[in-house]
Amino acid sequence: MISVGLAKLCKGNSIAGLIGGMLFMWAFPLLFYLNMVVGGYIFPVDLDQTFLDAAFLVSFD
């Protein structure tokens, strides 16, 4: 339903949005994982250091 709404909002073909949304719903977990992997290469985040920084800031505020 979201794909139909977005297609109408962007003045696109709502039928194509519906079909595309239904056909590629199965691919969402795969595409999400690939987005996370590529994003990790572009913007690497060291979660251990981030959590330590957050704990340090909270303990002394």
C-alpha atoms as a PDB file:
ATOM      1  CA  MET A   1       0.000   0.000   0.000  1.00  0.00           C
ATOM      2  CA  ILE A   2       2.881   2.343   0.731  1.00  0.00           C
ATOM      3  CA  SER A   3       4.305   1.812  -2.750  1.00  0.00           C
ATOM      4  CA  VAL A   4       0.944   2.765  -4.292  1.00  0.00           C
ATOM      5  CA  GLY A   5       0.716   5.891  -2.143  1.00  0.00           C
ATOM      6  CA  LEU A   6       4.265   6.945  -2.954  1.00  0.00           C
ATOM      7  CA  ALA A   7       3.681   6.338  -6.659  1.00  0.00           C
ATOM      8  CA  LYS A   8       0.578   8.547  -6.593  1.00  0.00           C
ATOM      9  CA  LEU A   9       2.390  11.192  -4.564  1.00  0.00           C
ATOM     10  CA  CYS A  10       5.197  11.331  -7.130  1.00  0.00           C
ATOM     11  CA  LYS A  11       2.719  11.287 -10.022  1.00  0.00           C
ATOM     12  CA  GLY A  12       3.859   7.834 -11.085  1.00  0.00           C
ATOM     13  CA  ASN A  13       1.990   4.734 -12.128  1.00  0.00           C
ATOM     14  CA  SER A  14       0.207   3.345  -9.075  1.00  0.00           C
ATOM     15  CA  ILE A  15      -0.367  -0.059 -10.729  1.00  0.00           C
ATOM     16  CA  ALA A  16       3.377  -0.390 -11.359  1.00  0.00           C
ATOM     17  CA  GLY A  17       3.982   0.618  -7.732  1.00  0.00           C
ATOM     18  CA  LEU A  18       1.588  -2.073  -6.526  1.00  0.00           C
ATOM     19  CA  ILE A  19       3.110  -4.771  -8.722  1.00  0.00           C
ATOM     20  CA  GLY A  20       6.652  -3.761  -7.830  1.00  0.00           C
ATOM     21  CA  GLY A  21       5.835  -3.671  -4.140  1.00  0.00           C
ATOM     22  CA  MET A  22       4.290  -7.135  -4.265  1.00  0.00           C
ATOM     23  CA  LEU A  23       6.987  -8.716  -6.418  1.00  0.00           C
ATOM     24  CA  PHE A  24       9.979  -7.430  -4.478  1.00  0.00           C
ATOM     25  CA  MET A  25       8.615  -7.708  -0.931  1.00  0.00           C
ATOM     26  CA  TRP A  26      10.651 -10.904  -0.461  1.00  0.00           C
ATOM     27  CA  ALA A  27      13.860  -9.017  -1.302  1.00  0.00           C
ATOM     28  CA  PHE A  28      13.548  -6.489   1.537  1.00  0.00           C
ATOM     29  CA  PRO A  29      15.699  -8.414   4.079  1.00  0.00           C
ATOM     30  CA  LEU A  30      18.415  -9.003   1.481  1.00  0.00           C
ATOM     31  CA  LEU A  31      18.436  -5.378   0.336  1.00  0.00           C
ATOM     32  CA  PHE A  32      18.425  -4.134   3.939  1.00  0.00           C
ATOM     33  CA  TYR A  33      21.425  -6.325   4.743  1.00  0.00           C
ATOM     34  CA  LEU A  34      23.284  -5.083   1.658  1.00  0.00           C
ATOM     35  CA  ASN A  35      22.515  -1.477   2.643  1.00  0.00           C
ATOM     36  CA  MET A  36      23.979  -2.103   6.093  1.00  0.00           C
ATOM     37  CA  VAL A  37      27.126  -3.715   4.657  1.00  0.00           C
ATOM     38  CA  VAL A  38      27.758  -0.933   2.142  1.00  0.00           C
ATOM     39  CA  GLY A  39      26.978   1.718   4.749  1.00  0.00           C
ATOM     40  CA  GLY A  40      29.477   0.092   7.106  1.00  0.00           C
ATOM     41  CA  TYR A  41      32.182   0.460   4.462  1.00  0.00           C
ATOM     42  CA  ILE A  42      31.324   4.102   3.775  1.00  0.00           C
ATOM     43  CA  PHE A  43      30.696   5.186   7.379  1.00  0.00           C
ATOM     44  CA  PRO A  44      32.489   2.719   9.660  1.00  0.00           C
ATOM     45  CA  VAL A  45      31.238   2.829  13.232  1.00  0.00           C
ATOM     46  CA  ASP A  46      33.027   1.160  16.113  1.00  0.00           C
ATOM     47  CA  LEU A  47      30.088   0.289  18.334  1.00  0.00           C
ATOM     48  CA  ASP A  48      32.248  -0.681  21.308  1.00  0.00           C
ATOM     49  CA  GLN A  49      33.873   2.748  21.331  1.00  0.00           C
ATOM     50  CA  THR A  50      30.517   4.456  20.792  1.00  0.00           C
ATOM     51  CA  PHE A  51      28.987   2.655  23.776  1.00  0.00           C
ATOM     52  CA  LEU A  52      32.006   3.476  25.924  1.00  0.00           C
ATOM     53  CA  ASP A  53      31.784   7.145  24.957  1.00  0.00           C
ATOM     54  CA  ALA A  54      28.071   7.197  25.752  1.00  0.00           C
ATOM     55  CA  ALA A  55      28.646   5.523  29.130  1.00  0.00           C
ATOM     56  CA  PHE A  56      31.445   7.959  29.926  1.00  0.00           C
ATOM     57  CA  LEU A  57      29.278  10.976  29.111  1.00  0.00           C
ATOM     58  CA  VAL A  58      26.336   9.668  31.139  1.00  0.00           C
ATOM     59  CA  SER A  59      28.418   8.801  34.202  1.00  0.00           C
ATOM     60  CA  PHE A  60      29.924  12.286  34.537  1.00  0.00           C
ATOM     61  CA  ASP A  61      26.921  14.471  33.622  1.00  0.00           C
END
